[in-house]
């Protein structure tokens, strides 16, 4: 995309009646370029494996045939809980080929989490590894729909296992699964379920259909700026929707090779830096938490000559982090906005000037509006609710929340999908994130978005991370409170508190400064790394109630 306005006007994604990512993308690349590299995998010990698209075609066909043996058919639901090992990608492709509905989950789930997901989604099969098998066995008696337990590694009584199934009673065929026309997948058929990683309540089941991968053409081609000669690394767990954004769909549609770094033990973010250098990664995407850790290193010691494009999503990235990263690497971090329910629908694209801290502009094919509480469009620089126009419905938007009429009714209103986020749009058409609907702090008549205060705090040399919430106050209703994680070498003190308050007053509007500051060793986060501000807010409310 070299001309944003032209792309907004002319770009289109043709969605055929029948579409299957496994056959129409993976197998197609395998037929067109027999030896084209699709994946480079390595782990923390330095083990390495490489896969061509032809390898993925054969291995996914074999795995699909194994799934058929266990009765997995079109429409059956399968929960996939694996670390960043190649078998995750192989079985995702295999299940898509069969028309099964897969649900990737983080390996960090507890037995309680697993039981909730299996029963909520009525899953028929779970695919996992030895390390997580005991969590499944602990709750299996309470999961009546779960009929098949499948291990990728090792053997256990009561579990089928991949290695045996590949070899006995004879090697599994790698030929394409024969699918009659009636069993072919339509673009509108269900393909994927994600349990949302929201900061409130039980997670919801977001349903995505077979056309969803096509929506990620925007994510990979325009936002990640990829072509078929690139090597792309997105840091994400396989259980997060960010994996779908950066580790499979859009990247393989455009023909890029993905780089997978399997993190098993203790992880130090700075171990990523020599990997970027050694493997000559050309495109890199990481959440803000990782970038905040990476800038603590001496970036100028590394050779990033092959690295040409950097992106970030998940939460807004603070301008100070963007500045330090550019000073150390010479590269701008391009932010993108979207959700588990969407592809990249707002982004900072290379074809227009980057404004640090801005989400960017709406993606081609996505008509993004800002509405007030009554559904009316707000003015320039005025806060509004992010709304996606459904006429026409953009490719890559989720179908619905499964079995959740209340959530659907709240999200889909009068031809719009409301994301639950607030933002404003400046006079140049750039969008700026304010916060979730329930994150905005109302203090003494002012509406304060936590992100702006957090960004100001992060510009101070002592602050590594911060989270800002409203804390009850008898006079003001709420006051701004900041929870702060300090960088190594700094200690909490009253003088530092005063210094931080003064710093924020000078950096942003004076009424936004944190009247209360608490130093903490770490911040509560969701499995996907997002700060749980709701947990901090509830902590403050409980503290006030106990005082009363």
Protein backbone atom coordinates (compact mmCIF):
# COMPACT_ATOMS: atom_id res chain seq x y z
CA UNK A 1 0.00 0.00 0.00
CA UNK A 2 1.73 3.15 -1.22
CA UNK A 3 -1.29 5.44 -1.35
CA UNK A 4 -3.64 5.24 1.63
CA UNK A 5 -6.57 7.08 0.05
CA UNK A 6 -6.31 4.99 -3.11
CA UNK A 7 -6.30 1.77 -1.10
CA UNK A 8 -9.30 2.91 0.93
CA UNK A 9 -11.13 3.57 -2.31
CA UNK A 10 -10.08 0.63 -4.50
CA UNK A 11 -8.79 -2.26 -2.36
CA UNK A 12 -11.05 -5.29 -2.11
CA UNK A 13 -10.92 -8.88 -0.88
CA UNK A 14 -12.88 -11.30 -3.01
CA UNK A 15 -14.43 -13.97 -0.81
CA UNK A 16 -15.41 -17.07 -2.81
CA UNK A 17 -18.43 -19.17 -1.89
CA UNK A 18 -16.17 -22.06 -0.89
CA UNK A 19 -12.90 -21.40 0.92
CA UNK A 20 -10.53 -23.47 3.05
CA UNK A 21 -7.23 -22.06 4.30
CA UNK A 22 -5.62 -25.51 4.39
CA UNK A 23 -6.36 -26.46 0.81
CA UNK A 24 -6.55 -23.05 -0.86
CA UNK A 25 -3.47 -21.48 0.75
CA UNK A 26 -1.09 -24.10 2.23
CA UNK A 27 -1.57 -26.75 -0.46
CA UNK A 28 -1.65 -24.15 -3.20
CA UNK A 29 1.79 -22.83 -2.19
CA UNK A 30 3.03 -26.42 -1.98
CA UNK A 31 1.91 -27.04 -5.57
CA UNK A 32 3.23 -23.75 -6.97
CA UNK A 33 6.64 -23.68 -5.22
CA UNK A 34 7.62 -27.15 -4.03
CA UNK A 35 10.47 -26.09 -1.72
CA UNK A 36 9.23 -22.70 -0.55
CA UNK A 37 10.12 -22.22 3.13
CA UNK A 38 7.11 -21.67 5.41
CA UNK A 39 8.51 -21.90 8.95
CA UNK A 40 11.77 -21.73 10.87
CA UNK A 41 11.35 -23.07 14.42
CA UNK A 42 13.85 -22.90 17.24
CA UNK A 43 13.76 -23.22 21.01
CA UNK A 44 15.72 -21.75 23.91
CA UNK A 45 18.27 -24.58 23.73
CA UNK A 46 19.12 -23.82 20.11
CA UNK A 47 17.31 -26.77 18.51
CA UNK A 48 16.07 -25.89 15.05
CA UNK A 49 13.62 -27.26 12.48
CA UNK A 50 12.53 -25.96 9.09
CA UNK A 51 9.32 -26.69 7.17
CA UNK A 52 8.38 -26.02 3.57
CA UNK A 53 4.78 -25.56 2.48
CA UNK A 54 5.03 -29.05 0.98
CA UNK A 55 6.04 -30.42 4.40
CA UNK A 56 3.02 -28.72 5.98
CA UNK A 57 0.74 -30.10 3.27
CA UNK A 58 1.86 -33.70 3.84
CA UNK A 59 1.97 -33.52 7.63
CA UNK A 60 -1.44 -31.85 7.88
CA UNK A 61 -2.96 -34.46 5.56
CA UNK A 62 -1.57 -37.24 7.76
CA UNK A 63 -2.91 -35.54 10.89
CA UNK A 64 -6.31 -35.01 9.27
CA UNK A 65 -6.50 -38.72 8.50
CA UNK A 66 -5.70 -39.49 12.13
CA UNK A 67 -8.47 -37.15 13.26
CA UNK A 68 -10.91 -38.96 10.99
CA UNK A 69 -10.02 -42.24 12.71
CA UNK A 70 -11.20 -40.72 15.99
CA UNK A 71 -14.47 -39.52 14.49
CA UNK A 72 -13.66 -35.85 14.08
CA UNK A 73 -15.87 -34.58 11.29
CA UNK A 74 -16.98 -31.28 9.84
CA UNK A 75 -18.48 -29.07 12.55
CA UNK A 76 -16.99 -31.00 15.51
CA UNK A 77 -15.29 -28.82 18.10
CA UNK A 78 -11.67 -29.51 19.11
CA UNK A 79 -9.73 -27.71 21.83
CA UNK A 80 -6.02 -27.29 21.07
CA UNK A 81 -3.74 -26.55 24.02
CA UNK A 82 -0.10 -26.74 22.91
CA UNK A 83 3.02 -24.60 23.33
CA UNK A 84 4.86 -23.05 20.38
CA UNK A 85 5.80 -26.37 18.77
CA UNK A 86 5.41 -27.16 15.05
CA UNK A 87 2.63 -29.65 15.77
CA UNK A 88 0.35 -26.75 16.74
CA UNK A 89 0.47 -25.42 13.17
CA UNK A 90 0.19 -28.91 11.67
CA UNK A 91 -2.99 -29.72 13.59
CA UNK A 92 -4.53 -26.29 13.02
CA UNK A 93 -4.18 -26.85 9.27
CA UNK A 94 -5.45 -30.44 9.58
CA UNK A 95 -8.56 -29.45 11.52
CA UNK A 96 -9.33 -26.62 9.11
CA UNK A 97 -9.07 -29.07 6.20
CA UNK A 98 -11.65 -31.31 7.89
CA UNK A 99 -14.00 -28.40 8.54
CA UNK A 100 -13.75 -28.97 12.28
CA UNK A 101 -14.06 -25.97 14.61
CA UNK A 102 -10.84 -25.48 16.55
CA UNK A 103 -10.24 -23.52 19.71
CA UNK A 104 -6.63 -22.59 20.58
CA UNK A 105 -6.05 -22.13 24.31
CA UNK A 106 -3.00 -21.04 26.35
CA UNK A 107 -1.09 -23.79 28.14
CA UNK A 108 -1.24 -21.64 31.29
CA UNK A 109 -4.90 -22.58 31.83
CA UNK A 110 -5.79 -24.16 35.16
CA UNK A 111 -7.95 -27.30 35.48
CA UNK A 112 -10.87 -25.02 36.37
CA UNK A 113 -10.28 -22.97 33.21
CA UNK A 114 -10.17 -26.12 31.07
CA UNK A 115 -13.38 -27.48 32.54
CA UNK A 116 -15.19 -24.19 31.94
CA UNK A 117 -14.06 -24.02 28.31
CA UNK A 118 -14.78 -27.64 27.45
CA UNK A 119 -18.29 -27.47 28.88
CA UNK A 120 -19.12 -24.00 27.57
CA UNK A 121 -18.05 -24.96 24.05
CA UNK A 122 -19.16 -28.61 24.17
CA UNK A 123 -15.81 -29.78 22.86
CA UNK A 124 -15.48 -33.33 21.59
CA UNK A 125 -11.68 -33.63 21.63
CA UNK A 126 -8.68 -32.04 23.31
CA UNK A 127 -5.16 -32.08 21.87
CA UNK A 128 -2.36 -31.29 24.32
CA UNK A 129 1.00 -32.54 25.65
CA UNK A 130 2.27 -34.50 28.66
CA UNK A 131 2.95 -31.35 30.67
CA UNK A 132 -0.74 -30.41 30.58
CA UNK A 133 -2.39 -33.84 30.58
CA UNK A 134 -2.82 -34.04 34.37
CA UNK A 135 -4.90 -30.83 34.33
CA UNK A 136 -7.27 -32.46 31.85
CA UNK A 137 -7.46 -35.74 33.78
CA UNK A 138 -8.29 -33.79 36.95
CA UNK A 139 -11.55 -32.50 35.47
CA UNK A 140 -12.42 -35.10 32.82
CA UNK A 141 -15.24 -36.61 34.91
CA UNK A 142 -17.00 -33.25 34.82
CA UNK A 143 -16.71 -32.86 31.03
CA UNK A 144 -19.36 -35.14 29.49
CA UNK A 145 -18.87 -34.02 25.87
CA UNK A 146 -15.09 -34.68 25.86
CA UNK A 147 -14.73 -38.07 24.17
CA UNK A 148 -11.14 -38.05 22.90
CA UNK A 149 -7.90 -37.09 24.69
CA UNK A 150 -4.95 -36.83 22.33
CA UNK A 151 -1.27 -36.41 23.23
CA UNK A 152 1.32 -34.93 20.92
CA UNK A 153 4.24 -36.36 22.90
CA UNK A 154 4.65 -39.50 25.01
CA UNK A 155 2.15 -42.14 26.11
CA UNK A 156 -0.45 -42.24 28.87
CA UNK A 157 -3.20 -44.68 29.68
CA UNK A 158 -6.53 -43.43 28.38
CA UNK A 159 -4.89 -41.09 25.88
CA UNK A 160 -4.33 -41.54 22.17
CA UNK A 161 -0.90 -40.36 21.07
CA UNK A 162 0.46 -38.82 17.89
CA UNK A 163 3.63 -40.87 17.49
CA UNK A 164 1.86 -44.22 17.69
CA UNK A 165 -0.93 -43.11 15.40
CA UNK A 166 1.58 -42.05 12.75
CA UNK A 167 3.07 -45.54 12.60
CA UNK A 168 0.57 -48.21 13.67
CA UNK A 169 -0.90 -50.38 12.34
CA UNK A 170 0.79 -48.84 9.28
CA UNK A 171 2.22 -45.41 8.37
CA UNK A 172 -0.57 -42.88 7.96
CA UNK A 173 -1.31 -41.75 4.42
CA UNK A 174 -0.20 -38.24 3.50
CA UNK A 175 -2.67 -38.10 0.65
CA UNK A 176 -5.32 -35.40 0.66
CA UNK A 177 -8.44 -36.20 2.65
CA UNK A 178 -11.18 -37.05 0.18
CA UNK A 179 -14.04 -34.62 0.78
CA UNK A 180 -17.32 -34.83 -1.17
CA UNK A 181 -18.76 -31.54 -2.41
CA UNK A 182 -21.33 -31.62 0.38
CA UNK A 183 -18.52 -31.60 2.95
CA UNK A 184 -16.45 -28.80 1.43
CA UNK A 185 -16.22 -25.72 3.61
CA UNK A 186 -18.07 -22.59 2.63
CA UNK A 187 -16.52 -19.26 3.50
CA UNK A 188 -19.41 -18.74 5.94
CA UNK A 189 -18.88 -22.06 7.79
CA UNK A 190 -17.53 -21.89 11.36
CA UNK A 191 -13.78 -22.40 11.70
CA UNK A 192 -12.41 -20.96 14.92
CA UNK A 193 -13.48 -20.16 18.47
CA UNK A 194 -11.52 -17.85 20.74
CA UNK A 195 -12.32 -17.32 24.39
CA UNK A 196 -11.85 -13.59 24.82
CA UNK A 197 -9.23 -12.43 27.31
CA UNK A 198 -11.35 -9.63 28.71
CA UNK A 199 -10.61 -8.04 32.07
CA UNK A 200 -14.17 -8.63 33.33
CA UNK A 201 -16.31 -11.71 33.95
CA UNK A 202 -16.07 -15.17 32.40
CA UNK A 203 -14.54 -15.20 28.92
CA UNK A 204 -16.93 -15.13 25.97
CA UNK A 205 -16.72 -17.43 22.95
CA UNK A 206 -16.06 -15.41 19.80
CA UNK A 207 -16.88 -17.37 16.63
CA UNK A 208 -14.88 -16.76 13.43
CA UNK A 209 -15.68 -18.33 10.07
CA UNK A 210 -13.65 -19.79 7.21
CA UNK A 211 -13.25 -16.37 5.56
CA UNK A 212 -11.51 -14.96 8.65
CA UNK A 213 -7.95 -15.75 7.38
CA UNK A 214 -8.61 -13.63 4.28
CA UNK A 215 -9.22 -10.61 6.50
CA UNK A 216 -5.65 -10.92 7.74
CA UNK A 217 -4.36 -9.98 4.29
CA UNK A 218 -4.68 -6.44 5.66
CA UNK A 219 -2.81 -7.36 8.85
CA UNK A 220 0.12 -8.99 7.06
CA UNK A 221 0.38 -7.17 3.73
CA UNK A 222 -0.37 -3.62 4.85
CA UNK A 223 0.37 -3.41 8.58
CA UNK A 224 3.24 -5.92 8.84
CA UNK A 225 4.31 -4.73 5.37
CA UNK A 226 5.16 -8.29 4.27
CA UNK A 227 5.95 -9.89 0.94
CA UNK A 228 6.82 -13.47 0.05
CA UNK A 229 10.55 -12.96 0.69
CA UNK A 230 10.16 -11.80 4.30
CA UNK A 231 10.92 -13.61 7.54
CA UNK A 232 8.44 -12.48 10.17
CA UNK A 233 8.49 -12.92 13.95
CA UNK A 234 5.46 -12.19 16.09
CA UNK A 235 5.92 -12.83 19.80
CA UNK A 236 2.72 -14.46 20.96
CA UNK A 237 1.50 -17.57 22.69
CA UNK A 238 -0.36 -20.03 20.48
CA UNK A 239 -3.46 -19.64 22.64
CA UNK A 240 -3.91 -15.94 21.93
CA UNK A 241 -5.70 -14.34 18.99
CA UNK A 242 -2.46 -12.42 18.41
CA UNK A 243 -1.09 -15.70 17.10
CA UNK A 244 -3.76 -15.66 14.39
CA UNK A 245 -2.74 -12.07 13.63
CA UNK A 246 0.98 -12.72 13.26
CA UNK A 247 1.94 -16.40 13.15
CA UNK A 248 -0.16 -18.12 10.52
CA UNK A 249 -2.98 -16.72 8.38
CA UNK A 250 -2.02 -13.44 6.72
CA UNK A 251 1.68 -14.25 6.69
CA UNK A 252 1.20 -17.51 4.78
CA UNK A 253 -1.40 -16.02 2.45
CA UNK A 254 1.20 -13.51 1.22
CA UNK A 255 3.84 -16.26 1.16
CA UNK A 256 6.15 -14.99 3.91
CA UNK A 257 8.11 -17.36 6.15
CA UNK A 258 7.23 -17.24 9.85
CA UNK A 259 9.83 -17.53 12.59
CA UNK A 260 8.74 -19.35 15.76
CA UNK A 261 10.66 -19.05 19.01
CA UNK A 262 9.53 -21.71 21.45
CA UNK A 263 9.76 -20.40 25.01
CA UNK A 264 9.56 -23.16 27.61
CA UNK A 265 11.53 -22.02 30.63
CA UNK A 266 12.24 -18.69 32.24
CA UNK A 267 12.03 -15.96 29.61
CA UNK A 268 14.15 -12.83 29.49
CA UNK A 269 12.82 -10.46 26.84
CA UNK A 270 16.30 -9.36 25.83
CA UNK A 271 17.12 -12.88 24.55
CA UNK A 272 15.01 -11.89 21.54
CA UNK A 273 17.59 -9.32 20.43
CA UNK A 274 20.35 -11.76 19.35
CA UNK A 275 17.68 -13.84 17.57
CA UNK A 276 16.61 -10.83 15.51
CA UNK A 277 20.26 -10.37 14.59
CA UNK A 278 21.30 -14.01 14.00
CA UNK A 279 18.32 -15.06 11.88
CA UNK A 280 18.12 -11.72 10.08
CA UNK A 281 14.44 -11.23 10.87
CA UNK A 282 12.95 -8.66 8.50
CA UNK A 283 9.64 -7.93 10.25
CA UNK A 284 9.00 -7.99 14.00
CA UNK A 285 5.85 -7.63 16.09
CA UNK A 286 5.62 -7.67 19.88
CA UNK A 287 3.23 -6.47 22.58
CA UNK A 288 4.03 -3.23 24.45
CA UNK A 289 5.16 -5.18 27.53
CA UNK A 290 8.01 -6.76 25.51
CA UNK A 291 9.09 -3.47 23.92
CA UNK A 292 9.19 -1.86 27.37
CA UNK A 293 11.63 -4.58 28.43
CA UNK A 294 13.68 -4.51 25.23
CA UNK A 295 14.50 -0.81 25.49
CA UNK A 296 16.26 -1.48 28.80
CA UNK A 297 19.04 -3.17 26.80
CA UNK A 298 21.82 -1.47 24.86
CA UNK A 299 20.14 -1.73 21.45
CA UNK A 300 23.07 -0.24 19.57
CA UNK A 301 25.17 -3.36 20.29
CA UNK A 302 23.07 -5.41 17.84
CA UNK A 303 23.10 -5.51 14.06
CA UNK A 304 19.55 -4.90 12.85
CA UNK A 305 20.40 -4.11 9.24
CA UNK A 306 17.97 -6.73 7.88
CA UNK A 307 15.15 -5.70 10.20
CA UNK A 308 13.08 -3.20 8.25
CA UNK A 309 9.64 -3.06 9.91
CA UNK A 310 8.37 -3.18 13.51
CA UNK A 311 4.81 -3.30 14.81
CA UNK A 312 2.96 -3.55 18.12
CA UNK A 313 -0.59 -4.25 19.24
CA UNK A 314 -2.53 -5.51 22.23
CA UNK A 315 -2.48 -2.26 24.17
CA UNK A 316 -1.43 1.27 23.21
CA UNK A 317 2.33 1.77 23.11
CA UNK A 318 3.67 4.73 25.02
CA UNK A 319 5.40 7.41 22.89
CA UNK A 320 8.48 7.29 25.12
CA UNK A 321 9.04 3.61 24.27
CA UNK A 322 8.67 4.37 20.55
CA UNK A 323 11.25 7.16 20.85
CA UNK A 324 13.85 5.01 22.66
CA UNK A 325 13.37 2.09 20.24
CA UNK A 326 13.91 4.35 17.24
CA UNK A 327 17.02 5.87 18.80
CA UNK A 328 18.48 2.40 19.32
CA UNK A 329 17.42 0.68 16.08
CA UNK A 330 16.59 3.46 13.64
CA UNK A 331 13.13 1.95 13.21
CA UNK A 332 9.66 3.29 13.96
CA UNK A 333 7.16 1.04 15.75
CA UNK A 334 3.88 1.06 13.83
CA UNK A 335 0.90 0.51 16.09
CA UNK A 336 -2.20 -1.44 15.17
CA UNK A 337 -5.58 -1.76 16.78
CA UNK A 338 -7.96 -4.67 16.77
CA UNK A 339 -9.42 -7.32 19.02
CA UNK A 340 -9.89 -11.05 19.34
CA UNK A 341 -13.05 -10.35 17.36
CA UNK A 342 -11.33 -8.57 14.45
CA UNK A 343 -8.28 -8.37 12.24
CA UNK A 344 -6.23 -5.15 12.14
CA UNK A 345 -9.01 -2.59 11.68
CA UNK A 346 -7.05 0.56 12.56
CA UNK A 347 -3.34 0.87 11.95
CA UNK A 348 -0.28 3.03 11.52
CA UNK A 349 0.68 2.09 7.97
CA UNK A 350 4.05 2.92 6.37
CA UNK A 351 2.42 4.88 3.54
CA UNK A 352 1.59 7.87 5.77
CA UNK A 353 3.53 9.75 8.49
CA UNK A 354 3.59 8.05 11.86
CA UNK A 355 2.29 9.88 14.93
CA UNK A 356 3.84 8.19 18.00
CA UNK A 357 1.15 6.94 20.36
CA UNK A 358 -1.63 7.04 17.75
CA UNK A 359 -3.51 3.92 16.65
CA UNK A 360 -3.27 5.24 13.09
CA UNK A 361 -6.11 5.35 10.59
CA UNK A 362 -8.88 2.89 9.66
CA UNK A 363 -7.74 -0.06 7.55
CA UNK A 364 -8.96 -0.48 3.97
CA UNK A 365 -12.43 -2.15 3.96
CA UNK A 366 -13.06 -1.09 7.58
CA UNK A 367 -15.47 1.83 8.10
CA UNK A 368 -14.66 2.94 11.65
CA UNK A 369 -16.78 5.57 13.39
CA UNK A 370 -16.81 7.27 16.79
CA UNK A 371 -20.23 7.56 18.44
CA UNK A 372 -21.63 9.11 21.58
CA UNK A 373 -23.83 7.10 23.93
CA UNK A 374 -26.86 7.76 21.70
CA UNK A 375 -25.21 6.48 18.53
CA UNK A 376 -24.49 9.90 17.03
CA UNK A 377 -21.10 10.67 15.50
CA UNK A 378 -18.88 12.86 17.65
CA UNK A 379 -16.82 15.85 16.51
CA UNK A 380 -13.09 16.06 15.80
CA UNK A 381 -11.00 15.63 18.99
CA UNK A 382 -14.10 14.54 20.89
CA UNK A 383 -14.16 11.25 22.77
CA UNK A 384 -16.41 8.55 21.30
CA UNK A 385 -17.19 4.85 21.29
CA UNK A 386 -15.39 2.89 18.56
CA UNK A 387 -17.98 1.49 16.19
CA UNK A 388 -17.53 -0.68 13.08
CA UNK A 389 -20.03 -0.13 10.28
CA UNK A 390 -21.56 -3.47 9.25
CA UNK A 391 -22.80 -2.24 5.86
CA UNK A 392 -20.96 -3.92 4.28
CA UNK A 393 -19.67 -6.31 6.92
CA UNK A 394 -15.85 -6.29 6.74
CA UNK A 395 -13.96 -9.53 6.02
CA UNK A 396 -12.32 -10.72 9.23
CA UNK A 397 -14.96 -9.57 11.71
CA UNK A 398 -16.22 -12.31 14.01
CA UNK A 399 -19.68 -13.79 13.50
CA UNK A 400 -21.09 -13.66 17.03
CA UNK A 401 -20.58 -14.54 20.68
CA UNK A 402 -21.75 -18.15 20.97
CA UNK A 403 -24.70 -18.75 23.31
CA UNK A 404 -24.55 -15.20 24.63
CA UNK A 405 -27.57 -13.19 23.49
CA UNK A 406 -26.86 -10.42 26.00
CA UNK A 407 -23.32 -9.78 24.76
CA UNK A 408 -24.49 -9.87 21.14
CA UNK A 409 -27.28 -7.39 21.85
CA UNK A 410 -24.83 -5.02 23.57
CA UNK A 411 -22.22 -5.26 20.81
CA UNK A 412 -24.34 -5.25 17.64
CA UNK A 413 -26.61 -2.20 17.59
CA UNK A 414 -28.32 -0.47 14.64
CA UNK A 415 -25.95 -1.81 12.01
CA UNK A 416 -22.75 -1.26 14.00
CA UNK A 417 -20.41 -3.43 16.05
CA UNK A 418 -19.32 -1.59 19.21
CA UNK A 419 -15.86 -2.67 20.33
CA UNK A 420 -16.18 -1.49 23.94
CA UNK A 421 -13.25 0.90 23.48
CA UNK A 422 -13.13 4.68 23.49
CA UNK A 423 -10.98 6.92 21.29
CA UNK A 424 -10.91 10.28 19.58
CA UNK A 425 -9.96 11.31 16.06
CA UNK A 426 -7.78 14.36 15.42
CA UNK A 427 -8.01 16.87 12.58
CA UNK A 428 -5.65 14.76 10.42
CA UNK A 429 -7.79 11.61 10.68
CA UNK A 430 -5.55 9.81 13.20
CA UNK A 431 -7.25 7.81 15.96
CA UNK A 432 -6.07 7.96 19.57
CA UNK A 433 -6.96 5.30 22.12
CA UNK A 434 -8.47 6.46 25.41
CA UNK A 435 -9.42 3.21 27.14
CA UNK A 436 -12.06 0.61 27.67
CA UNK A 437 -15.53 1.89 28.49
CA UNK A 438 -15.09 0.92 32.13
CA UNK A 439 -11.48 2.18 32.39
CA UNK A 440 -12.28 5.90 32.00
CA UNK A 441 -11.96 7.78 35.31
CA UNK A 442 -14.51 10.46 36.19
CA UNK A 443 -12.97 12.78 38.77
CA UNK A 444 -14.34 16.18 39.86
CA UNK A 445 -16.30 16.40 36.63
CA UNK A 446 -13.33 15.54 34.43
CA UNK A 447 -13.09 12.40 32.28
CA UNK A 448 -9.57 11.01 32.42
CA UNK A 449 -8.26 8.19 30.24
CA UNK A 450 -5.70 6.07 32.11
CA UNK A 451 -3.44 5.61 29.11
CA UNK A 452 -2.40 9.27 28.89
CA UNK A 453 -1.38 9.28 32.56
CA UNK A 454 0.45 5.97 32.20
CA UNK A 455 2.32 7.30 29.17
CA UNK A 456 3.40 10.39 31.10
CA UNK A 457 4.67 8.24 33.96
CA UNK A 458 6.63 6.02 31.60
CA UNK A 459 8.58 9.02 30.38
CA UNK A 460 10.14 9.25 33.83
CA UNK A 461 13.46 7.35 34.03
CA UNK A 462 12.43 5.48 37.22
CA UNK A 463 9.24 3.90 35.84
CA UNK A 464 9.23 0.52 34.10
CA UNK A 465 5.45 -0.11 34.07
CA UNK A 466 2.38 1.68 35.34
CA UNK A 467 -1.36 1.14 35.65
CA UNK A 468 -3.79 3.92 36.44
CA UNK A 469 -7.29 3.53 37.91
CA UNK A 470 -9.85 5.55 39.81
CA UNK A 471 -9.68 5.32 43.60
CA UNK A 472 -12.68 6.32 45.77
CA UNK A 473 -12.47 9.78 47.36
CA UNK A 474 -15.07 11.44 49.59
CA UNK A 475 -14.67 14.86 47.97
CA UNK A 476 -13.91 14.17 44.32
CA UNK A 477 -15.76 10.87 43.92
CA UNK A 478 -12.68 9.34 42.36
CA UNK A 479 -9.06 10.37 42.25
CA UNK A 480 -6.37 9.15 39.89
CA UNK A 481 -4.23 6.44 41.46
CA UNK A 482 -1.11 5.00 39.84
CA UNK A 483 0.38 1.58 40.55
CA UNK A 484 4.03 1.69 39.53
CA UNK A 485 6.72 -0.92 38.92
CA UNK A 486 10.14 0.70 39.23
CA UNK A 487 13.16 0.00 37.05
CA UNK A 488 16.14 -1.78 38.66
CA UNK A 489 18.22 0.64 40.70
CA UNK A 490 15.31 2.78 41.94
CA UNK A 491 13.70 2.51 45.38
CA UNK A 492 10.28 3.73 46.58
CA UNK A 493 10.37 6.96 48.56
CA UNK A 494 8.24 9.97 49.41
CA UNK A 495 10.58 12.19 47.44
CA UNK A 496 10.15 9.97 44.36
CA UNK A 497 6.36 10.16 44.74
CA UNK A 498 6.51 13.96 44.74
CA UNK A 499 8.87 13.92 41.78
CA UNK A 500 6.53 11.67 39.77
CA UNK A 501 3.50 13.81 40.51
CA UNK A 502 5.35 16.93 39.41
CA UNK A 503 6.55 15.16 36.28
CA UNK A 504 2.99 14.22 35.23
CA UNK A 505 1.68 17.74 35.92
CA UNK A 506 4.30 19.09 33.53
CA UNK A 507 3.74 16.40 30.90
CA UNK A 508 -0.05 16.43 30.64
CA UNK A 509 -3.04 18.43 31.84
CA UNK A 510 -2.54 19.21 35.56
CA UNK A 511 -5.91 17.73 36.62
CA UNK A 512 -4.78 14.32 35.35
CA UNK A 513 -1.83 13.81 37.65
CA UNK A 514 -2.03 10.83 40.06
CA UNK A 515 -2.95 12.09 43.53
CA UNK A 516 -2.10 8.66 44.94
CA UNK A 517 0.89 6.51 43.98
CA UNK A 518 1.58 2.95 45.13
CA UNK A 519 4.75 1.05 44.24
CA UNK A 520 4.23 -2.64 43.45
CA UNK A 521 6.58 -5.46 42.38
CA UNK A 522 4.34 -6.40 39.41
CA UNK A 523 0.99 -5.61 37.82
CA UNK A 524 -1.88 -8.08 37.47
CA UNK A 525 -2.30 -9.15 33.84
CA UNK A 526 -4.46 -11.39 31.72
CA UNK A 527 -3.00 -14.47 30.04
CA UNK A 528 -2.43 -12.35 26.95
CA UNK A 529 -0.43 -9.75 28.90
CA UNK A 530 -3.04 -7.00 29.20
CA UNK A 531 -3.17 -5.10 32.48
CA UNK A 532 -6.16 -6.06 34.66
CA UNK A 533 -7.25 -2.58 35.65
CA UNK A 534 -10.59 -3.98 36.83
CA UNK A 535 -8.78 -6.02 39.47
CA UNK A 536 -6.97 -2.91 40.69
CA UNK A 537 -10.21 -0.89 40.71
CA UNK A 538 -11.96 -3.57 42.76
CA UNK A 539 -9.02 -3.63 45.15
CA UNK A 540 -9.47 0.12 45.70
CA UNK A 541 -13.23 -0.21 46.20
CA UNK A 542 -12.74 -2.99 48.75
CA UNK A 543 -10.14 -0.93 50.59
CA UNK A 544 -12.61 1.95 50.95
CA UNK A 545 -15.40 -0.37 52.14
CA UNK A 546 -13.11 -1.89 54.77
CA UNK A 547 -12.21 1.59 56.00
CA UNK A 548 -15.90 2.41 56.38
